[in-house]
Each structure stands twice: as structure tokens, then as C-alpha cells.
């Protein structure tokens, strides 16, 4: 059973920084790609950033140049460094992976990020 546990959310002023963590257990971590999604109140869940098993990263246009996704295979943890945050970054942030051995999607419980202007 794959488990994803996010942490690091909270309140931050616009222009500030925050780092989210996603601790992963029960999967072959090093061979999985991981994603960060976010969902604002009343809106759909959107993809924010992706990191492949080889470390290749992609970003939504809205966060490009401000957010950085990374992974530590030794710690089975994925990170999202959020810099120069804006009020529109306010959302619940979710960690996600697709376990390719079973084709099952796994999600964390989410962590709230609130950016004040």
C-alpha cells in the first residue's frame, strides 16, 4: 500500500517562500514519477509540477520560474519549493503518484497553503 503524506503548508505573505514535503512509503520510490497538484475553493484540481524518475521536471505556466520540484531518493521524499508566492497560489496542495506496477493512482491528504496580500 502506497502512502503519501504532505507537510509544510501554512500561512505566508505574498512574496514569501514555503517548502512543501511529501513523504512516500510502500512504493518503489526511485522508479516513480511524482506530481504536485493544487485545488482552490470552488475550482478543479490542477497540475502544478511533475518530476520524473530520472529527475526531469515540468511546471504549469502559472508557477514557472517561482516553484521548484525536487526529490530525494535516499529519503523517499518529494519537495515543492515555493518562492515569490502570490495570493492566487492559495489552495490545498496534493502529492500524487501513479504506481505503474498496478496502475493505481495514489494521493496524499493535502496541505493547505494560504497566501495573504
C-alpha atoms as a PDB file:
ATOM      1  CA  UNK A   1       0.000   0.000   0.000  1.00  0.00           C
ATOM      2  CA  UNK A   2       1.468   3.310  -1.105  1.00  0.00           C
ATOM      3  CA  UNK A   3       1.111   6.203   1.311  1.00  0.00           C
ATOM      4  CA  UNK A   4       1.841   9.859   0.620  1.00  0.00           C
ATOM      5  CA  UNK A   5       1.962  12.323   3.500  1.00  0.00           C
ATOM      6  CA  UNK A   6       2.283  16.031   2.778  1.00  0.00           C
ATOM      7  CA  UNK A   7       3.574  18.618   5.214  1.00  0.00           C
ATOM      8  CA  UNK A   8       4.882  22.156   5.251  1.00  0.00           C
ATOM      9  CA  UNK A   9       1.762  24.092   4.382  1.00  0.00           C
ATOM     10  CA  UNK A  10       0.689  27.181   6.260  1.00  0.00           C
ATOM     11  CA  UNK A  11       0.194  30.899   6.042  1.00  0.00           C
ATOM     12  CA  UNK A  12       2.663  33.130   4.216  1.00  0.00           C
ATOM     13  CA  UNK A  13       2.674  36.721   2.999  1.00  0.00           C
ATOM     14  CA  UNK A  14       2.789  37.497  -0.693  1.00  0.00           C
ATOM     15  CA  UNK A  15       6.363  37.485  -1.933  1.00  0.00           C
ATOM     16  CA  UNK A  16       7.438  34.979   0.686  1.00  0.00           C
ATOM     17  CA  UNK A  17       8.535  31.359   0.466  1.00  0.00           C
ATOM     18  CA  UNK A  18       7.319  27.988   1.649  1.00  0.00           C
ATOM     19  CA  UNK A  19       8.569  24.435   1.153  1.00  0.00           C
ATOM     20  CA  UNK A  20       6.188  21.523   0.952  1.00  0.00           C
ATOM     21  CA  UNK A  21       7.288  17.939   1.569  1.00  0.00           C
ATOM     22  CA  UNK A  22       5.717  14.645   0.525  1.00  0.00           C
ATOM     23  CA  UNK A  23       6.939  11.595   2.421  1.00  0.00           C
ATOM     24  CA  UNK A  24       6.353   8.388   0.471  1.00  0.00           C
ATOM     25  CA  UNK A  25       6.152   4.823   1.734  1.00  0.00           C
ATOM     26  CA  UNK A  26       5.180   1.475   0.237  1.00  0.00           C
ATOM     27  CA  UNK A  27       6.326   2.152  -3.310  1.00  0.00           C
ATOM     28  CA  UNK A  28       9.403   1.685  -5.422  1.00  0.00           C
ATOM     29  CA  UNK A  29      10.145   5.350  -4.904  1.00  0.00           C
ATOM     30  CA  UNK A  30      13.116   5.700  -7.221  1.00  0.00           C
ATOM     31  CA  UNK A  31      11.197   4.405 -10.255  1.00  0.00           C
ATOM     32  CA  UNK A  32       8.065   6.525  -9.764  1.00  0.00           C
ATOM     33  CA  UNK A  33       7.270   9.926 -11.176  1.00  0.00           C
ATOM     34  CA  UNK A  34       5.584  12.314  -8.732  1.00  0.00           C
ATOM     35  CA  UNK A  35       3.292  15.277  -9.144  1.00  0.00           C
ATOM     36  CA  UNK A  36       2.101  18.205  -7.112  1.00  0.00           C
ATOM     37  CA  UNK A  37      -1.475  19.340  -7.726  1.00  0.00           C
ATOM     38  CA  UNK A  38      -3.451  22.141  -6.124  1.00  0.00           C
ATOM     39  CA  UNK A  39      -7.111  22.879  -5.655  1.00  0.00           C
ATOM     40  CA  UNK A  40      -8.525  26.259  -4.721  1.00  0.00           C
ATOM     41  CA  UNK A  41     -12.033  26.573  -3.233  1.00  0.00           C
ATOM     42  CA  UNK A  42     -14.697  26.016  -5.876  1.00  0.00           C
ATOM     43  CA  UNK A  43     -12.144  25.166  -8.554  1.00  0.00           C
ATOM     44  CA  UNK A  44     -10.856  21.995 -10.176  1.00  0.00           C
ATOM     45  CA  UNK A  45      -7.652  20.282  -9.111  1.00  0.00           C
ATOM     46  CA  UNK A  46      -4.797  21.468 -11.336  1.00  0.00           C
ATOM     47  CA  UNK A  47      -1.364  20.021 -12.023  1.00  0.00           C
ATOM     48  CA  UNK A  48       1.396  22.281 -10.702  1.00  0.00           C
ATOM     49  CA  UNK A  49       4.635  20.360 -11.219  1.00  0.00           C
ATOM     50  CA  UNK A  50       5.976  16.939 -12.190  1.00  0.00           C
ATOM     51  CA  UNK A  51       9.281  15.190 -11.592  1.00  0.00           C
ATOM     52  CA  UNK A  52      10.179  12.012 -13.438  1.00  0.00           C
ATOM     53  CA  UNK A  53      12.110   9.079 -12.035  1.00  0.00           C
ATOM     54  CA  UNK A  54      15.160  10.482 -13.763  1.00  0.00           C
ATOM     55  CA  UNK A  55      14.675  13.962 -12.324  1.00  0.00           C
ATOM     56  CA  UNK A  56      13.180  15.710 -15.345  1.00  0.00           C
ATOM     57  CA  UNK A  57      10.809  18.461 -14.242  1.00  0.00           C
ATOM     58  CA  UNK A  58       7.856  20.258 -15.811  1.00  0.00           C
ATOM     59  CA  UNK A  59       5.743  23.109 -14.488  1.00  0.00           C
ATOM     60  CA  UNK A  60       2.449  24.830 -15.051  1.00  0.00           C
ATOM     61  CA  UNK A  61       2.917  28.212 -16.698  1.00  0.00           C
ATOM     62  CA  UNK A  62       1.450  29.924 -13.645  1.00  0.00           C
ATOM     63  CA  UNK A  63       4.301  28.763 -11.390  1.00  0.00           C
ATOM     64  CA  UNK A  64       7.201  28.515 -13.817  1.00  0.00           C
ATOM     65  CA  UNK A  65      10.228  30.400 -12.508  1.00  0.00           C
ATOM     66  CA  UNK A  66       8.800  30.571  -8.976  1.00  0.00           C
ATOM     67  CA  UNK A  67       8.302  26.958  -7.889  1.00  0.00           C
ATOM     68  CA  UNK A  68      10.818  24.104  -7.924  1.00  0.00           C
ATOM     69  CA  UNK A  69      10.003  20.424  -7.579  1.00  0.00           C
ATOM     70  CA  UNK A  70      12.739  18.076  -6.399  1.00  0.00           C
ATOM     71  CA  UNK A  71      13.175  14.598  -4.986  1.00  0.00           C
ATOM     72  CA  UNK A  72      15.474  12.872  -2.522  1.00  0.00           C
ATOM     73  CA  UNK A  73      15.569   9.163  -3.330  1.00  0.00           C
ATOM     74  CA  UNK A  74      17.516   8.405  -0.150  1.00  0.00           C
ATOM     75  CA  UNK A  75      14.745   9.920   1.980  1.00  0.00           C
ATOM     76  CA  UNK A  76      11.782   8.824  -0.184  1.00  0.00           C
ATOM     77  CA  UNK A  77      10.601  12.418  -0.189  1.00  0.00           C
ATOM     78  CA  UNK A  78       9.419  14.848  -2.841  1.00  0.00           C
ATOM     79  CA  UNK A  79       9.574  18.609  -2.296  1.00  0.00           C
ATOM     80  CA  UNK A  80       7.935  21.694  -3.723  1.00  0.00           C
ATOM     81  CA  UNK A  81       9.858  24.896  -3.062  1.00  0.00           C
ATOM     82  CA  UNK A  82       7.518  27.843  -3.486  1.00  0.00           C
ATOM     83  CA  UNK A  83       9.117  31.274  -3.894  1.00  0.00           C
ATOM     84  CA  UNK A  84       7.630  34.675  -4.662  1.00  0.00           C
ATOM     85  CA  UNK A  85       4.215  33.353  -3.742  1.00  0.00           C
ATOM     86  CA  UNK A  86       1.069  35.206  -4.763  1.00  0.00           C
ATOM     87  CA  UNK A  87      -2.450  35.268  -3.281  1.00  0.00           C
ATOM     88  CA  UNK A  88      -3.615  33.196  -6.255  1.00  0.00           C
ATOM     89  CA  UNK A  89      -1.330  30.371  -5.059  1.00  0.00           C
ATOM     90  CA  UNK A  90      -3.715  29.854  -2.140  1.00  0.00           C
ATOM     91  CA  UNK A  91      -5.004  26.284  -2.357  1.00  0.00           C
ATOM     92  CA  UNK A  92      -4.795  22.821  -0.901  1.00  0.00           C
ATOM     93  CA  UNK A  93      -1.702  21.156  -2.351  1.00  0.00           C
ATOM     94  CA  UNK A  94      -1.704  17.426  -3.043  1.00  0.00           C
ATOM     95  CA  UNK A  95       1.090  14.989  -3.778  1.00  0.00           C
ATOM     96  CA  UNK A  96       0.294  12.283  -6.343  1.00  0.00           C
ATOM     97  CA  UNK A  97       1.864   9.271  -7.992  1.00  0.00           C
ATOM     98  CA  UNK A  98       0.779   6.533 -10.352  1.00  0.00           C
ATOM     99  CA  UNK A  99       2.053   3.134  -9.265  1.00  0.00           C
ATOM    100  CA  UNK A 100       2.901   1.583 -12.625  1.00  0.00           C
ATOM    101  CA  UNK A 101       3.003  -1.999 -11.333  1.00  0.00           C
ATOM    102  CA  UNK A 102      -0.722  -1.780 -10.531  1.00  0.00           C
ATOM    103  CA  UNK A 103      -1.842   1.325 -12.474  1.00  0.00           C
ATOM    104  CA  UNK A 104      -3.367   2.702  -9.292  1.00  0.00           C
ATOM    105  CA  UNK A 105      -3.320   6.418  -8.514  1.00  0.00           C
ATOM    106  CA  UNK A 106      -2.310   7.468  -5.014  1.00  0.00           C
ATOM    107  CA  UNK A 107      -2.944  10.824  -3.379  1.00  0.00           C
ATOM    108  CA  UNK A 108      -1.876  12.404  -0.148  1.00  0.00           C
ATOM    109  CA  UNK A 109      -4.352  14.042   2.201  1.00  0.00           C
ATOM    110  CA  UNK A 110      -3.337  17.543   1.103  1.00  0.00           C
ATOM    111  CA  UNK A 111      -1.786  20.505   2.879  1.00  0.00           C
ATOM    112  CA  UNK A 112      -3.310  23.981   2.966  1.00  0.00           C
ATOM    113  CA  UNK A 113      -1.302  26.942   1.685  1.00  0.00           C
ATOM    114  CA  UNK A 114      -2.698  30.411   2.315  1.00  0.00           C
ATOM    115  CA  UNK A 115      -1.026  33.485   0.835  1.00  0.00           C
ATOM    116  CA  UNK A 116      -2.090  36.868   2.144  1.00  0.00           C
ATOM    117  CA  UNK A 117      -1.675  40.103   0.210  1.00  0.00           C
END
